[in-house]
Amino acid sequence: MEENIRYYKKIDVVNPIMIAAWPGMGNVALGTADYIRRKLKAVRFAEIRTDPLAALDAVEVKNGLSKIPKTPLSTFYYTRDPDIILFQGEVQPAGRSGIELLNKVLGVAADLKVSRIFTGAAFPVPISYKDASEVYGAANKESLRDYLKNFGIMLMDRGHISGLNGLLLGFAAKKGIDAICLLATMPHYAISLPNPKASSAIIETLNRMLNISIDVLELSGYIKDMEERMLIIEEKVKDVITIEEESIELHPRHEKKIPGYIMERIEKLFVEAKGDRKKASSLKNELDRWDLYLQYEDRFLDLFKENQ
């Protein structure tokens, strides 16, 4: 066992599956895992004691005073009948720290003889908030592609799954552990907002795949609240993306889809450009490359207002 993993209790599980999640676009993956944990009343049994300095990139300020934030949690839970291990990470450390954390999670999975790991992600595409969230899949093993197809899950054709929710597939393969990522479509103009509809779609897919029954009714209220916010956004950008009458043409299978990793890159460039105006040219090039400048024009110009 890893010496920097703190165990609160010894658990007895038989060939469990694992659901692992870190924050990401739309909070889709973490929202999925957290909802399942609460509904199944999963019990905490271990946590990874991470380096307090590993994930720091800012200080907290309150009433003019700064302080170092608390160390983010990386926690394991379990349920019996069904035997499920859930892992939730509060942040995604980058680089070497992220890989070290990922390997610790996989180490616990190996120790508990986890038979398969599931993770999730958002699949941002040019659709309306009114459209259903569809689930795509990617796996780290040839036979798992057939497994996904048997459940009617569309395969992710190409692209990237960024962050630890995606990297898990590759590193799990190195350890001989089967792993699947379920990606739920969501409007690409709303990737900074939580998307409970996408999480609900993944949960319903897991219900079928794992033969479990997790009620998603509680998410209905959250979905309604978020769609009211998205309606306002969509009204502002509909002249640019023309979603409402052309949702079939802009279906995620359409060639115009914008990969999720590109949307994440654009968000990252916005953050960088806000702090360093020189980064704005890279941001503008990326927006032009994907025909997104008009959609983001006001936000792009605001960068210069803030710097004046």
Protein backbone atom coordinates (compact mmCIF):
# COMPACT_ATOMS: atom_id res chain seq x y z
CA MET A 1 0.00 0.00 0.00
CA GLU A 2 1.16 3.55 -0.66
CA GLU A 3 2.56 5.14 2.50
CA ASN A 4 0.96 8.53 1.75
CA ILE A 5 -2.52 7.04 1.42
CA ARG A 6 -4.44 7.22 4.68
CA TYR A 7 -6.90 4.39 5.25
CA TYR A 8 -9.80 4.96 7.63
CA LYS A 9 -11.12 1.41 7.48
CA LYS A 10 -10.45 -1.94 5.86
CA ILE A 11 -13.07 -2.78 3.27
CA ASP A 12 -14.31 -6.04 1.81
CA VAL A 13 -15.24 -5.77 -1.85
CA VAL A 14 -15.27 -8.38 -4.62
CA ASN A 15 -14.12 -7.43 -8.13
CA PRO A 16 -15.45 -3.88 -7.73
CA ILE A 17 -15.70 -1.35 -10.51
CA MET A 18 -14.33 2.13 -9.89
CA ILE A 19 -15.78 5.50 -10.83
CA ALA A 20 -13.07 8.18 -10.74
CA ALA A 21 -13.51 11.88 -11.37
CA TRP A 22 -11.78 15.23 -11.24
CA PRO A 23 -13.19 18.70 -12.01
CA GLY A 24 -13.50 19.64 -15.67
CA MET A 25 -15.71 21.44 -18.18
CA GLY A 26 -19.31 21.70 -17.05
CA ASN A 27 -18.29 19.87 -13.85
CA VAL A 28 -19.67 16.85 -15.71
CA ALA A 29 -17.35 14.14 -14.41
CA LEU A 30 -17.19 15.29 -10.79
CA GLY A 31 -20.91 16.08 -10.77
CA THR A 32 -21.62 12.53 -11.93
CA ALA A 33 -19.41 10.87 -9.31
CA ASP A 34 -20.64 13.09 -6.48
CA TYR A 35 -24.30 12.42 -7.28
CA ILE A 36 -23.73 8.65 -7.41
CA ARG A 37 -21.81 8.80 -4.13
CA ARG A 38 -24.67 10.59 -2.38
CA LYS A 39 -27.42 8.44 -3.83
CA LEU A 40 -25.66 5.18 -2.94
CA LYS A 41 -24.64 6.54 0.48
CA ALA A 42 -21.04 5.56 -0.21
CA VAL A 43 -18.72 5.44 2.81
CA ARG A 44 -15.31 7.12 2.94
CA PHE A 45 -12.51 4.65 3.51
CA ALA A 46 -9.30 6.35 2.38
CA GLU A 47 -7.76 9.54 1.10
CA ILE A 48 -4.55 10.50 -0.64
CA ARG A 49 -2.43 12.88 1.38
CA THR A 50 -1.16 15.17 -1.34
CA ASP A 51 1.69 17.63 -1.10
CA PRO A 52 0.09 20.87 0.20
CA LEU A 53 2.20 22.85 -2.27
CA ALA A 54 1.54 20.69 -5.33
CA ALA A 55 -1.72 22.26 -6.51
CA LEU A 56 -1.25 25.85 -5.32
CA ASP A 57 -1.61 28.54 -7.96
CA ALA A 58 -3.19 31.37 -5.94
CA VAL A 59 -3.87 32.62 -2.42
CA GLU A 60 -7.23 33.30 -0.85
CA VAL A 61 -8.04 36.87 0.14
CA LYS A 62 -10.74 37.92 2.60
CA ASN A 63 -11.19 41.39 4.05
CA GLY A 64 -7.86 42.40 2.60
CA LEU A 65 -5.91 39.54 4.21
CA SER A 66 -4.38 36.65 2.28
CA LYS A 67 -3.99 33.05 3.39
CA ILE A 68 -2.81 29.79 1.90
CA PRO A 69 -5.81 27.67 0.81
CA LYS A 70 -6.55 24.33 2.42
CA THR A 71 -5.01 21.29 0.78
CA PRO A 72 -7.55 19.91 -1.73
CA LEU A 73 -9.06 16.53 -0.89
CA SER A 74 -8.58 13.34 -2.89
CA THR A 75 -10.98 10.86 -1.34
CA PHE A 76 -12.03 7.23 -1.84
CA TYR A 77 -15.50 5.88 -0.99
CA TYR A 78 -17.08 2.45 -1.38
CA THR A 79 -20.45 0.72 -1.56
CA ARG A 80 -21.42 -2.93 -1.21
CA ASP A 81 -23.99 -4.66 -3.39
CA PRO A 82 -23.16 -3.20 -5.83
CA ASP A 83 -19.44 -3.23 -5.08
CA ILE A 84 -18.27 0.16 -6.30
CA ILE A 85 -15.22 2.26 -5.45
CA LEU A 86 -15.66 5.99 -6.00
CA PHE A 87 -12.76 8.42 -6.17
CA GLN A 88 -13.27 12.19 -6.13
CA GLY A 89 -10.45 14.69 -6.54
CA GLU A 90 -11.21 18.31 -5.67
CA VAL A 91 -8.61 19.69 -8.09
CA GLN A 92 -6.58 18.50 -11.06
CA PRO A 93 -2.90 19.14 -10.40
CA ALA A 94 -0.92 19.55 -13.61
CA GLY A 95 2.30 17.99 -14.82
CA ARG A 96 4.29 15.63 -12.63
CA SER A 97 2.05 16.21 -9.59
CA GLY A 98 -1.00 15.17 -11.59
CA ILE A 99 0.67 12.01 -12.87
CA GLU A 100 1.80 11.08 -9.35
CA LEU A 101 -1.76 11.51 -8.07
CA LEU A 102 -3.14 9.47 -10.97
CA ASN A 103 -0.71 6.63 -10.29
CA LYS A 104 -1.73 6.57 -6.61
CA VAL A 105 -5.39 6.24 -7.60
CA LEU A 106 -4.50 3.40 -9.95
CA GLY A 107 -2.41 1.79 -7.22
CA VAL A 108 -5.45 1.62 -4.96
CA ALA A 109 -7.48 0.23 -7.86
CA ALA A 110 -4.90 -2.51 -8.38
CA ASP A 111 -4.75 -3.36 -4.65
CA LEU A 112 -8.55 -3.72 -4.51
CA LYS A 113 -8.58 -5.76 -7.74
CA VAL A 114 -10.84 -3.29 -9.50
CA SER A 115 -12.17 -4.95 -12.64
CA ARG A 116 -12.89 -1.79 -14.62
CA ILE A 117 -12.63 1.97 -14.16
CA PHE A 118 -15.15 4.47 -15.48
CA THR A 119 -14.58 8.17 -15.72
CA GLY A 120 -16.46 10.97 -17.43
CA ALA A 121 -16.01 14.18 -19.38
CA ALA A 122 -17.90 16.90 -21.19
CA PHE A 123 -18.15 16.81 -24.99
CA PRO A 124 -18.77 20.46 -25.96
CA VAL A 125 -20.43 20.79 -29.37
CA PRO A 126 -22.53 23.42 -31.21
CA ILE A 127 -25.95 22.40 -29.92
CA SER A 128 -28.72 24.16 -28.03
CA TYR A 129 -29.37 23.77 -24.33
CA LYS A 130 -32.74 22.34 -25.43
CA ASP A 131 -31.13 19.37 -27.19
CA ALA A 132 -30.70 16.07 -25.39
CA SER A 133 -27.26 15.27 -24.04
CA GLU A 134 -25.85 12.29 -25.95
CA VAL A 135 -23.18 10.00 -24.57
CA TYR A 136 -20.03 8.98 -26.45
CA GLY A 137 -17.40 6.56 -25.28
CA ALA A 138 -13.67 5.97 -25.47
CA ALA A 139 -11.80 2.99 -24.07
CA ASN A 140 -8.25 1.76 -23.55
CA LYS A 141 -8.78 -1.73 -24.98
CA GLU A 142 -10.09 -3.08 -28.29
CA SER A 143 -12.67 -5.40 -26.72
CA LEU A 144 -14.14 -2.51 -24.74
CA ARG A 145 -15.12 -0.76 -27.94
CA ASP A 146 -17.43 -3.68 -28.73
CA TYR A 147 -18.68 -3.53 -25.14
CA LEU A 148 -19.63 0.14 -25.66
CA LYS A 149 -21.31 -0.62 -28.97
CA ASN A 150 -23.41 -3.34 -27.36
CA PHE A 151 -24.99 -0.66 -25.18
CA GLY A 152 -25.60 1.60 -28.15
CA ILE A 153 -22.94 4.06 -27.07
CA MET A 154 -21.40 6.03 -29.93
CA LEU A 155 -17.62 5.89 -30.10
CA MET A 156 -15.62 9.09 -29.94
CA ASP A 157 -14.16 9.23 -33.43
CA ARG A 158 -11.09 11.38 -32.84
CA GLY A 159 -9.73 14.21 -30.71
CA HIS A 160 -8.40 14.49 -27.17
CA ILE A 161 -9.77 14.00 -23.66
CA SER A 162 -7.82 16.48 -21.63
CA GLY A 163 -6.88 16.33 -17.96
CA LEU A 164 -6.74 13.41 -15.58
CA ASN A 165 -10.20 12.19 -16.61
CA GLY A 166 -8.66 11.43 -19.99
CA LEU A 167 -5.11 10.50 -18.97
CA LEU A 168 -6.51 7.82 -16.69
CA LEU A 169 -7.30 5.66 -19.73
CA GLY A 170 -3.72 5.61 -20.94
CA PHE A 171 -2.10 5.05 -17.55
CA ALA A 172 -4.65 2.38 -16.59
CA ALA A 173 -3.72 0.50 -19.77
CA LYS A 174 -0.09 0.44 -18.63
CA LYS A 175 -1.21 -1.29 -15.44
CA GLY A 176 -3.46 -3.73 -17.29
CA ILE A 177 -6.68 -2.21 -15.94
CA ASP A 178 -9.68 -1.79 -18.25
CA ALA A 179 -10.90 1.81 -18.40
CA ILE A 180 -13.70 3.68 -20.14
CA CYS A 181 -14.47 7.37 -20.41
CA LEU A 182 -18.08 8.40 -21.03
CA LEU A 183 -18.43 11.82 -22.63
CA ALA A 184 -21.74 13.70 -22.61
CA THR A 185 -22.49 16.44 -25.13
CA MET A 186 -23.22 19.97 -23.94
CA PRO A 187 -23.43 23.43 -25.59
CA HIS A 188 -19.93 24.67 -26.30
CA TYR A 189 -20.87 28.24 -25.37
CA ALA A 190 -21.57 27.18 -21.77
CA ILE A 191 -18.52 25.13 -20.79
CA SER A 192 -17.83 27.35 -17.78
CA LEU A 193 -21.27 26.55 -16.30
CA PRO A 194 -22.19 23.34 -14.45
CA ASN A 195 -24.14 21.01 -16.73
CA PRO A 196 -26.30 18.61 -14.69
CA LYS A 197 -28.06 17.44 -17.88
CA ALA A 198 -24.77 15.97 -19.15
CA SER A 199 -24.10 14.35 -15.76
CA SER A 200 -27.61 12.90 -15.77
CA ALA A 201 -27.02 11.37 -19.22
CA ILE A 202 -23.86 9.64 -17.99
CA ILE A 203 -25.59 8.36 -14.85
CA GLU A 204 -28.43 6.89 -16.91
CA THR A 205 -25.85 5.24 -19.17
CA LEU A 206 -24.05 3.75 -16.16
CA ASN A 207 -27.41 2.46 -14.88
CA ARG A 208 -27.68 0.39 -18.05
CA MET A 209 -24.05 -0.70 -18.19
CA LEU A 210 -23.73 -1.67 -14.53
CA ASN A 211 -27.29 -2.91 -14.03
CA ILE A 212 -27.91 -0.45 -11.20
CA SER A 213 -30.78 1.94 -10.58
CA ILE A 214 -29.82 5.46 -9.55
CA ASP A 215 -32.75 7.87 -9.64
CA VAL A 216 -31.84 11.11 -11.46
CA LEU A 217 -35.09 12.90 -10.58
CA GLU A 218 -33.29 15.14 -8.09
CA LEU A 219 -31.27 16.61 -10.96
CA SER A 220 -34.39 17.89 -12.75
CA GLY A 221 -34.54 21.09 -10.69
CA TYR A 222 -30.84 21.82 -11.25
CA ILE A 223 -31.24 21.18 -14.98
CA LYS A 224 -34.16 23.61 -15.16
CA ASP A 225 -32.22 26.31 -13.29
CA MET A 226 -29.19 25.93 -15.55
CA GLU A 227 -31.29 25.95 -18.72
CA GLU A 228 -32.84 29.26 -17.67
CA ARG A 229 -29.32 30.70 -17.47
CA MET A 230 -28.34 29.13 -20.79
CA LEU A 231 -31.43 30.60 -22.45
CA ILE A 232 -30.11 34.08 -21.68
CA ILE A 233 -26.69 33.20 -23.08
CA GLU A 234 -28.14 31.54 -26.15
CA GLU A 235 -30.30 34.57 -26.93
CA LYS A 236 -27.14 36.68 -27.01
CA VAL A 237 -25.21 34.36 -29.32
CA LYS A 238 -27.95 32.78 -31.46
CA ASP A 239 -27.28 35.12 -34.39
CA VAL A 240 -23.73 33.81 -34.49
CA ILE A 241 -24.18 30.09 -33.97
CA THR A 242 -27.74 29.77 -35.38
CA ILE A 243 -28.65 26.82 -33.23
CA GLU A 244 -32.41 26.68 -32.92
CA GLU A 245 -33.51 25.86 -36.46
CA GLU A 246 -30.33 24.05 -37.47
CA SER A 247 -29.71 21.66 -34.61
CA ILE A 248 -29.68 18.69 -37.00
CA GLU A 249 -26.93 20.23 -39.11
CA LEU A 250 -24.93 21.04 -36.00
CA HIS A 251 -25.39 17.60 -34.49
CA PRO A 252 -22.24 16.33 -32.69
CA ARG A 253 -21.63 13.85 -35.49
CA HIS A 254 -21.34 16.75 -37.91
CA GLU A 255 -17.89 17.64 -39.19
CA LYS A 256 -18.12 21.15 -37.71
CA LYS A 257 -17.87 19.89 -34.14
CA ILE A 258 -15.23 21.62 -32.04
CA PRO A 259 -13.14 19.24 -29.91
CA GLY A 260 -13.42 19.63 -26.17
CA TYR A 261 -9.69 20.13 -25.76
CA ILE A 262 -9.88 23.16 -28.06
CA MET A 263 -12.60 24.74 -25.91
CA GLU A 264 -10.48 24.11 -22.83
CA ARG A 265 -7.47 25.66 -24.58
CA ILE A 266 -9.51 28.76 -25.44
CA GLU A 267 -10.64 29.13 -21.83
CA LYS A 268 -7.04 28.78 -20.67
CA LEU A 269 -5.90 31.43 -23.18
CA PHE A 270 -8.56 33.81 -21.91
CA VAL A 271 -7.20 33.41 -18.39
CA GLU A 272 -3.62 33.94 -19.58
CA ALA A 273 -4.54 36.95 -21.72
CA LYS A 274 -6.31 38.56 -18.80
CA GLY A 275 -3.01 38.57 -16.92
CA ASP A 276 -0.70 39.16 -19.88
CA ARG A 277 -1.97 41.19 -22.82
CA LYS A 278 0.74 39.69 -25.06
CA LYS A 279 -1.16 36.39 -24.93
CA ALA A 280 -4.13 38.01 -26.68
CA SER A 281 -2.66 37.39 -30.12
CA SER A 282 -2.48 33.63 -29.49
CA LEU A 283 -6.07 33.73 -28.28
CA LYS A 284 -7.21 35.67 -31.35
CA ASN A 285 -5.47 33.19 -33.66
CA GLU A 286 -7.20 30.25 -31.95
CA LEU A 287 -10.61 31.93 -32.15
CA ASP A 288 -10.12 32.71 -35.84
CA ARG A 289 -8.90 29.19 -36.55
CA TRP A 290 -12.16 27.71 -35.25
CA ASP A 291 -14.46 30.46 -36.53
CA LEU A 292 -15.35 31.48 -32.99
CA TYR A 293 -14.23 35.09 -32.88
CA LEU A 294 -17.69 36.60 -33.41
CA GLN A 295 -19.08 34.47 -30.62
CA TYR A 296 -16.37 35.63 -28.21
CA GLU A 297 -15.85 39.15 -29.59
CA ASP A 298 -17.29 41.05 -26.61
CA ARG A 299 -15.36 38.97 -24.13
CA PHE A 300 -12.18 39.35 -26.16
CA LEU A 301 -12.50 43.14 -26.34
CA ASP A 302 -13.21 43.29 -22.62
CA LEU A 303 -9.69 42.01 -22.02
CA PHE A 304 -8.34 45.29 -23.33
CA LYS A 305 -10.78 47.38 -21.32
CA GLU A 306 -9.66 45.63 -18.16
CA ASN A 307 -6.04 46.30 -19.01
CA GLN A 308 -6.52 50.00 -19.65
